[in-house]
N, C-alpha and C. Protein backbone atom coordinates (compact mmCIF):
# COMPACT_ATOMS: atom_id res chain seq x y z
N UNK A 1 -56.49 -61.33 -73.08
CA UNK A 1 -55.12 -61.05 -72.74
C UNK A 1 -54.51 -60.19 -73.84
N UNK A 2 -53.35 -59.64 -73.60
CA UNK A 2 -52.71 -58.74 -74.55
C UNK A 2 -52.18 -59.51 -75.75
N UNK A 3 -52.03 -58.80 -76.87
CA UNK A 3 -51.48 -59.40 -78.08
C UNK A 3 -50.01 -59.74 -77.86
N UNK A 4 -49.56 -60.81 -78.48
CA UNK A 4 -48.15 -61.16 -78.36
C UNK A 4 -47.26 -60.21 -79.14
N UNK A 5 -47.86 -59.45 -80.09
CA UNK A 5 -47.07 -58.49 -80.87
C UNK A 5 -46.67 -57.27 -80.05
N UNK A 6 -47.50 -56.88 -79.09
CA UNK A 6 -47.24 -55.66 -78.31
C UNK A 6 -47.43 -55.95 -76.82
N UNK A 7 -46.42 -56.50 -76.15
CA UNK A 7 -46.58 -56.88 -74.73
C UNK A 7 -46.64 -55.69 -73.77
N UNK A 8 -46.37 -54.47 -74.26
CA UNK A 8 -46.40 -53.32 -73.36
C UNK A 8 -47.81 -52.77 -73.17
N UNK A 9 -48.78 -53.29 -73.89
CA UNK A 9 -50.16 -52.81 -73.78
C UNK A 9 -50.98 -53.76 -72.93
N UNK A 10 -51.14 -53.45 -71.65
CA UNK A 10 -51.94 -54.25 -70.74
C UNK A 10 -53.00 -53.37 -70.11
N UNK A 11 -54.18 -53.93 -69.91
CA UNK A 11 -55.16 -53.17 -69.14
C UNK A 11 -54.88 -53.37 -67.65
N UNK A 12 -55.61 -52.68 -66.81
CA UNK A 12 -55.31 -52.69 -65.37
C UNK A 12 -55.45 -54.08 -64.76
N UNK A 13 -56.45 -54.83 -65.15
CA UNK A 13 -56.66 -56.16 -64.58
C UNK A 13 -55.54 -57.11 -64.99
N UNK A 14 -55.10 -57.03 -66.24
CA UNK A 14 -54.00 -57.88 -66.68
C UNK A 14 -52.70 -57.51 -66.00
N UNK A 15 -52.47 -56.24 -65.76
CA UNK A 15 -51.25 -55.80 -65.11
C UNK A 15 -51.20 -56.26 -63.65
N UNK A 16 -52.35 -56.24 -62.98
CA UNK A 16 -52.41 -56.70 -61.58
C UNK A 16 -52.39 -58.20 -61.48
N UNK A 17 -52.89 -58.87 -62.47
CA UNK A 17 -52.96 -60.33 -62.44
C UNK A 17 -54.35 -60.83 -62.09
N UNK A 18 -55.17 -60.00 -61.45
CA UNK A 18 -56.52 -60.40 -61.09
C UNK A 18 -57.32 -59.18 -60.66
N UNK A 19 -58.61 -59.32 -60.67
CA UNK A 19 -59.47 -58.23 -60.21
C UNK A 19 -59.49 -58.20 -58.68
N UNK A 20 -59.63 -57.01 -58.12
CA UNK A 20 -59.71 -56.86 -56.66
C UNK A 20 -60.96 -56.05 -56.33
N UNK A 21 -62.12 -56.68 -56.41
CA UNK A 21 -63.37 -55.95 -56.22
C UNK A 21 -63.62 -55.55 -54.77
N UNK A 22 -63.48 -54.30 -54.46
CA UNK A 22 -63.84 -53.79 -53.14
C UNK A 22 -62.88 -54.11 -52.03
N UNK A 23 -61.75 -54.71 -52.30
CA UNK A 23 -60.83 -55.10 -51.23
C UNK A 23 -60.30 -53.87 -50.51
N UNK A 24 -59.96 -52.84 -51.27
CA UNK A 24 -59.41 -51.61 -50.66
C UNK A 24 -60.44 -50.99 -49.72
N UNK A 25 -61.68 -50.98 -50.13
CA UNK A 25 -62.74 -50.41 -49.30
C UNK A 25 -62.82 -51.12 -47.95
N UNK A 26 -62.78 -52.46 -47.98
CA UNK A 26 -62.90 -53.22 -46.74
C UNK A 26 -61.66 -53.06 -45.86
N UNK A 27 -60.49 -52.96 -46.46
CA UNK A 27 -59.28 -52.75 -45.68
C UNK A 27 -59.31 -51.39 -45.00
N UNK A 28 -59.76 -50.36 -45.71
CA UNK A 28 -59.85 -49.02 -45.12
C UNK A 28 -60.87 -48.96 -44.00
N UNK A 29 -62.00 -49.62 -44.18
CA UNK A 29 -63.03 -49.64 -43.13
C UNK A 29 -62.51 -50.36 -41.89
N UNK A 30 -61.86 -51.52 -42.09
CA UNK A 30 -61.33 -52.26 -40.95
C UNK A 30 -60.25 -51.46 -40.23
N UNK A 31 -59.40 -50.77 -40.99
CA UNK A 31 -58.36 -49.95 -40.37
C UNK A 31 -58.96 -48.81 -39.57
N UNK A 32 -59.98 -48.16 -40.11
CA UNK A 32 -60.62 -47.06 -39.40
C UNK A 32 -61.25 -47.54 -38.10
N UNK A 33 -61.90 -48.70 -38.14
CA UNK A 33 -62.51 -49.25 -36.93
C UNK A 33 -61.44 -49.55 -35.88
N UNK A 34 -60.32 -50.13 -36.31
CA UNK A 34 -59.24 -50.43 -35.37
C UNK A 34 -58.64 -49.17 -34.76
N UNK A 35 -58.50 -48.12 -35.55
CA UNK A 35 -57.96 -46.86 -35.04
C UNK A 35 -58.92 -46.26 -34.01
N UNK A 36 -60.20 -46.27 -34.31
CA UNK A 36 -61.20 -45.72 -33.38
C UNK A 36 -61.19 -46.52 -32.07
N UNK A 37 -61.14 -47.85 -32.18
CA UNK A 37 -61.11 -48.66 -30.96
C UNK A 37 -59.83 -48.41 -30.17
N UNK A 38 -58.71 -48.22 -30.86
CA UNK A 38 -57.46 -47.92 -30.18
C UNK A 38 -57.51 -46.60 -29.46
N UNK A 39 -58.10 -45.58 -30.08
CA UNK A 39 -58.22 -44.27 -29.43
C UNK A 39 -59.14 -44.34 -28.21
N UNK A 40 -60.23 -45.08 -28.34
CA UNK A 40 -61.12 -45.24 -27.18
C UNK A 40 -60.40 -45.98 -26.06
N UNK A 41 -59.65 -47.02 -26.41
CA UNK A 41 -58.89 -47.77 -25.41
C UNK A 41 -57.84 -46.91 -24.73
N UNK A 42 -57.14 -46.08 -25.49
CA UNK A 42 -56.12 -45.20 -24.91
C UNK A 42 -56.78 -44.17 -23.99
N UNK A 43 -57.93 -43.66 -24.37
CA UNK A 43 -58.65 -42.70 -23.54
C UNK A 43 -59.06 -43.35 -22.22
N UNK A 44 -59.59 -44.56 -22.29
CA UNK A 44 -60.06 -45.23 -21.08
C UNK A 44 -58.90 -45.59 -20.15
N UNK A 45 -57.75 -45.97 -20.71
CA UNK A 45 -56.60 -46.31 -19.88
C UNK A 45 -56.04 -45.07 -19.16
N UNK A 46 -56.09 -43.93 -19.81
CA UNK A 46 -55.49 -42.71 -19.26
C UNK A 46 -56.44 -41.91 -18.37
N UNK A 47 -57.60 -42.44 -18.04
CA UNK A 47 -58.51 -41.70 -17.18
C UNK A 47 -58.11 -41.82 -15.74
């Protein structure tokens, strides 16, 4: 953790409060899959 003498010096993990290993990657992949499924669904409905 950061020194009590200089509280403005934090590394990224300390500033966030915890590590987030790969969470962004999985959220982006899930969002992309949902968008693709939505586009396919919209195409099928409008045929």
